[in-house]
Amino acid sequence: MATSFYVYYRVAPGTQALARQRVLALLEQVRSQSGVCGRLLRKRGEVDLWMEVYESVSDDARFEAVLSAGVRDLSLDEVLLHGWTRRVECFED
């Protein structure tokens, strides 16, 4: 059974360029360390609401460790809107 991860959050005003740079670096780090290719989406009409999508993850525990380490290493919390955290939802096939 494979799992899809959906990670959403709000980006602080004025940090979109830095946030995009860091998230793209995260996607590359996750891909190189886990083989899972993620993608970044932004909600139409709400430029500060972003979502990362990682599909067909076969080893949840390993993937979550890689993702968490990347978030920490790239200091993604620094670009989030005050009071927000990265929220993760998982769905199974």
N, C-alpha and C. Protein backbone atom coordinates (compact mmCIF):
# COMPACT_ATOMS: atom_id res chain seq x y z
N MET A 1 0.84 -1.17 0.00
CA MET A 1 0.00 0.00 0.00
C MET A 1 0.90 1.25 0.00
N ALA A 2 0.55 2.19 -0.83
CA ALA A 2 1.31 3.44 -0.91
C ALA A 2 0.54 4.56 -0.22
N THR A 3 1.26 5.55 0.24
CA THR A 3 0.69 6.69 0.92
C THR A 3 1.03 7.97 0.17
N SER A 4 0.07 8.89 0.15
CA SER A 4 0.31 10.22 -0.41
C SER A 4 0.29 11.22 0.74
N PHE A 5 1.28 12.12 0.73
CA PHE A 5 1.42 13.14 1.77
C PHE A 5 1.05 14.50 1.17
N TYR A 6 0.20 15.22 1.89
CA TYR A 6 -0.20 16.57 1.51
C TYR A 6 0.18 17.49 2.66
N VAL A 7 1.06 18.43 2.40
CA VAL A 7 1.58 19.31 3.44
C VAL A 7 1.18 20.74 3.07
N TYR A 8 0.39 21.39 3.94
CA TYR A 8 -0.05 22.74 3.62
C TYR A 8 0.30 23.71 4.74
N TYR A 9 0.43 24.98 4.35
CA TYR A 9 0.85 26.02 5.29
C TYR A 9 0.66 27.38 4.63
N ARG A 10 0.74 28.42 5.45
CA ARG A 10 0.67 29.79 4.94
C ARG A 10 2.06 30.42 5.06
N VAL A 11 2.44 31.10 3.99
CA VAL A 11 3.74 31.76 3.91
C VAL A 11 3.57 33.22 4.35
N ALA A 12 4.52 33.70 5.13
CA ALA A 12 4.48 35.07 5.64
C ALA A 12 4.61 36.08 4.49
N PRO A 13 3.92 37.22 4.61
CA PRO A 13 4.04 38.26 3.59
C PRO A 13 5.50 38.68 3.43
N GLY A 14 5.89 38.90 2.19
CA GLY A 14 7.24 39.37 1.90
C GLY A 14 8.29 38.27 1.87
N THR A 15 7.89 37.03 2.10
CA THR A 15 8.87 35.93 2.10
C THR A 15 8.66 34.94 0.96
N GLN A 16 7.77 35.26 0.03
CA GLN A 16 7.44 34.30 -1.02
C GLN A 16 8.66 33.84 -1.82
N ALA A 17 9.53 34.76 -2.20
CA ALA A 17 10.71 34.38 -3.00
C ALA A 17 11.63 33.45 -2.20
N LEU A 18 11.90 33.82 -0.96
CA LEU A 18 12.75 32.99 -0.11
C LEU A 18 12.08 31.65 0.17
N ALA A 19 10.78 31.67 0.44
CA ALA A 19 10.04 30.43 0.71
C ALA A 19 10.09 29.51 -0.50
N ARG A 20 9.89 30.05 -1.68
CA ARG A 20 9.93 29.22 -2.89
C ARG A 20 11.31 28.60 -3.08
N GLN A 21 12.35 29.38 -2.85
CA GLN A 21 13.72 28.87 -2.97
C GLN A 21 13.94 27.71 -1.99
N ARG A 22 13.51 27.88 -0.76
CA ARG A 22 13.71 26.84 0.24
C ARG A 22 12.86 25.59 -0.04
N VAL A 23 11.63 25.79 -0.47
CA VAL A 23 10.77 24.64 -0.75
C VAL A 23 11.29 23.86 -1.95
N LEU A 24 11.75 24.55 -2.98
CA LEU A 24 12.31 23.86 -4.13
C LEU A 24 13.56 23.08 -3.73
N ALA A 25 14.36 23.64 -2.84
CA ALA A 25 15.53 22.91 -2.32
C ALA A 25 15.07 21.69 -1.53
N LEU A 26 13.99 21.83 -0.76
CA LEU A 26 13.45 20.71 -0.01
C LEU A 26 12.98 19.59 -0.96
N LEU A 27 12.26 19.97 -2.00
CA LEU A 27 11.78 18.97 -2.96
C LEU A 27 12.95 18.19 -3.56
N GLU A 28 14.03 18.90 -3.88
CA GLU A 28 15.20 18.22 -4.46
C GLU A 28 15.87 17.32 -3.43
N GLN A 29 15.99 17.79 -2.20
CA GLN A 29 16.60 16.99 -1.14
C GLN A 29 15.78 15.72 -0.88
N VAL A 30 14.48 15.87 -0.81
CA VAL A 30 13.60 14.71 -0.60
C VAL A 30 13.73 13.73 -1.76
N ARG A 31 13.73 14.24 -2.99
CA ARG A 31 13.86 13.37 -4.16
C ARG A 31 15.18 12.60 -4.14
N SER A 32 16.27 13.30 -3.85
CA SER A 32 17.57 12.65 -3.88
C SER A 32 17.75 11.64 -2.75
N GLN A 33 17.10 11.85 -1.61
CA GLN A 33 17.28 10.96 -0.47
C GLN A 33 16.22 9.87 -0.34
N SER A 34 15.06 10.08 -0.98
CA SER A 34 13.99 9.09 -0.83
C SER A 34 13.49 8.54 -2.16
N GLY A 35 13.80 9.24 -3.25
CA GLY A 35 13.29 8.83 -4.56
C GLY A 35 11.88 9.31 -4.84
N VAL A 36 11.28 10.03 -3.89
CA VAL A 36 9.91 10.53 -4.06
C VAL A 36 9.97 11.93 -4.65
N CYS A 37 9.30 12.12 -5.78
CA CYS A 37 9.25 13.43 -6.44
C CYS A 37 8.02 14.19 -5.96
N GLY A 38 8.26 15.27 -5.27
CA GLY A 38 7.16 16.10 -4.79
C GLY A 38 6.91 17.26 -5.73
N ARG A 39 5.82 17.96 -5.48
CA ARG A 39 5.53 19.16 -6.25
C ARG A 39 4.92 20.21 -5.34
N LEU A 40 5.07 21.45 -5.75
CA LEU A 40 4.58 22.59 -4.98
C LEU A 40 3.38 23.20 -5.68
N LEU A 41 2.33 23.46 -4.92
CA LEU A 41 1.13 24.12 -5.43
C LEU A 41 0.82 25.33 -4.57
N ARG A 42 0.16 26.32 -5.18
CA ARG A 42 -0.35 27.47 -4.43
C ARG A 42 -1.84 27.58 -4.70
N LYS A 43 -2.60 27.90 -3.67
CA LYS A 43 -4.05 27.96 -3.83
C LYS A 43 -4.43 29.16 -4.70
N ARG A 44 -5.28 28.91 -5.65
CA ARG A 44 -5.76 29.99 -6.51
C ARG A 44 -6.52 31.01 -5.66
N GLY A 45 -6.14 32.27 -5.80
CA GLY A 45 -6.81 33.33 -5.06
C GLY A 45 -6.27 33.57 -3.66
N GLU A 46 -5.37 32.71 -3.19
CA GLU A 46 -4.75 32.88 -1.86
C GLU A 46 -3.26 32.61 -2.01
N VAL A 47 -2.52 33.62 -2.42
CA VAL A 47 -1.10 33.43 -2.77
C VAL A 47 -0.24 32.97 -1.60
N ASP A 48 -0.75 33.11 -0.38
CA ASP A 48 0.06 32.70 0.78
C ASP A 48 -0.21 31.26 1.22
N LEU A 49 -1.20 30.58 0.64
CA LEU A 49 -1.52 29.20 1.03
C LEU A 49 -0.88 28.24 0.04
N TRP A 50 0.09 27.50 0.54
CA TRP A 50 0.90 26.60 -0.29
C TRP A 50 0.68 25.16 0.14
N MET A 51 0.93 24.25 -0.82
CA MET A 51 0.83 22.83 -0.53
C MET A 51 1.92 22.07 -1.27
N GLU A 52 2.58 21.18 -0.54
CA GLU A 52 3.51 20.23 -1.14
C GLU A 52 2.77 18.90 -1.25
N VAL A 53 2.94 18.22 -2.37
CA VAL A 53 2.30 16.94 -2.60
C VAL A 53 3.38 15.91 -2.90
N TYR A 54 3.34 14.82 -2.15
CA TYR A 54 4.27 13.70 -2.33
C TYR A 54 3.41 12.44 -2.47
N GLU A 55 3.42 11.83 -3.66
CA GLU A 55 2.55 10.70 -3.92
C GLU A 55 3.33 9.39 -4.04
N SER A 56 2.61 8.30 -3.82
CA SER A 56 3.14 6.94 -3.97
C SER A 56 4.37 6.68 -3.10
N VAL A 57 4.28 7.08 -1.83
CA VAL A 57 5.35 6.83 -0.87
C VAL A 57 5.19 5.42 -0.34
N SER A 58 6.21 4.59 -0.52
CA SER A 58 6.11 3.19 -0.09
C SER A 58 6.68 2.94 1.31
N ASP A 59 7.63 3.77 1.75
CA ASP A 59 8.23 3.62 3.07
C ASP A 59 7.94 4.89 3.88
N ASP A 60 6.80 4.89 4.55
CA ASP A 60 6.34 6.09 5.27
C ASP A 60 7.35 6.59 6.29
N ALA A 61 7.88 5.69 7.10
CA ALA A 61 8.77 6.09 8.18
C ALA A 61 10.04 6.75 7.64
N ARG A 62 10.63 6.13 6.64
CA ARG A 62 11.84 6.72 6.04
C ARG A 62 11.53 8.06 5.40
N PHE A 63 10.43 8.14 4.66
CA PHE A 63 10.06 9.38 4.00
C PHE A 63 9.85 10.49 5.03
N GLU A 64 9.11 10.20 6.08
CA GLU A 64 8.85 11.22 7.11
C GLU A 64 10.14 11.71 7.76
N ALA A 65 11.09 10.82 7.97
CA ALA A 65 12.37 11.23 8.55
C ALA A 65 13.13 12.14 7.59
N VAL A 66 13.15 11.79 6.31
CA VAL A 66 13.82 12.61 5.30
C VAL A 66 13.16 13.98 5.20
N LEU A 67 11.83 14.00 5.15
CA LEU A 67 11.10 15.26 5.05
C LEU A 67 11.34 16.14 6.27
N SER A 68 11.26 15.58 7.45
CA SER A 68 11.49 16.35 8.68
C SER A 68 12.89 16.93 8.74
N ALA A 69 13.88 16.13 8.37
CA ALA A 69 15.26 16.62 8.37
C ALA A 69 15.43 17.76 7.38
N GLY A 70 14.83 17.66 6.22
CA GLY A 70 14.91 18.72 5.22
C GLY A 70 14.26 20.01 5.70
N VAL A 71 13.10 19.90 6.31
CA VAL A 71 12.40 21.07 6.84
C VAL A 71 13.27 21.76 7.89
N ARG A 72 13.87 20.97 8.75
CA ARG A 72 14.75 21.52 9.80
C ARG A 72 15.99 22.15 9.18
N ASP A 73 16.65 21.42 8.28
CA ASP A 73 17.90 21.90 7.67
C ASP A 73 17.71 23.20 6.89
N LEU A 74 16.56 23.34 6.26
CA LEU A 74 16.30 24.51 5.41
C LEU A 74 15.55 25.62 6.16
N SER A 75 15.31 25.43 7.44
CA SER A 75 14.65 26.43 8.29
C SER A 75 13.34 26.94 7.69
N LEU A 76 12.51 26.01 7.26
CA LEU A 76 11.26 26.41 6.62
C LEU A 76 10.30 27.13 7.56
N ASP A 77 10.40 26.86 8.85
CA ASP A 77 9.52 27.55 9.80
C ASP A 77 9.72 29.07 9.78
N GLU A 78 10.90 29.52 9.36
CA GLU A 78 11.20 30.96 9.32
C GLU A 78 10.36 31.71 8.29
N VAL A 79 9.81 31.03 7.30
CA VAL A 79 9.04 31.72 6.25
C VAL A 79 7.53 31.52 6.40
N LEU A 80 7.11 30.87 7.47
CA LEU A 80 5.69 30.65 7.69
C LEU A 80 5.04 31.86 8.34
N LEU A 81 3.77 32.05 8.03
CA LEU A 81 2.98 33.10 8.66
C LEU A 81 2.96 32.85 10.17
N HIS A 82 3.10 33.90 10.96
CA HIS A 82 3.12 33.78 12.41
C HIS A 82 1.91 32.98 12.89
N GLY A 83 2.16 31.99 13.73
CA GLY A 83 1.11 31.15 14.28
C GLY A 83 0.82 29.91 13.47
N TRP A 84 1.45 29.78 12.32
CA TRP A 84 1.23 28.61 11.46
C TRP A 84 2.34 27.60 11.61
N THR A 85 2.00 26.35 11.41
CA THR A 85 2.96 25.27 11.30
C THR A 85 2.64 24.52 10.01
N ARG A 86 3.55 23.69 9.59
CA ARG A 86 3.30 22.83 8.42
C ARG A 86 2.34 21.74 8.86
N ARG A 87 1.25 21.59 8.15
CA ARG A 87 0.22 20.60 8.51
C ARG A 87 0.26 19.48 7.48
N VAL A 88 0.34 18.26 7.98
CA VAL A 88 0.51 17.10 7.11
C VAL A 88 -0.75 16.22 7.17
N GLU A 89 -1.26 15.87 6.00
CA GLU A 89 -2.36 14.93 5.88
C GLU A 89 -1.87 13.78 5.00
N CYS A 90 -2.20 12.55 5.39
CA CYS A 90 -1.77 11.36 4.65
C CYS A 90 -2.98 10.57 4.19
N PHE A 91 -2.93 10.12 2.94
CA PHE A 91 -4.00 9.31 2.36
C PHE A 91 -3.40 8.06 1.76
N GLU A 92 -4.05 6.93 1.96
CA GLU A 92 -3.57 5.65 1.45
C GLU A 92 -4.34 5.25 0.20
N ASP A 93 -3.66 4.52 -0.68
CA ASP A 93 -4.31 3.99 -1.89
C ASP A 93 -5.21 2.83 -1.51
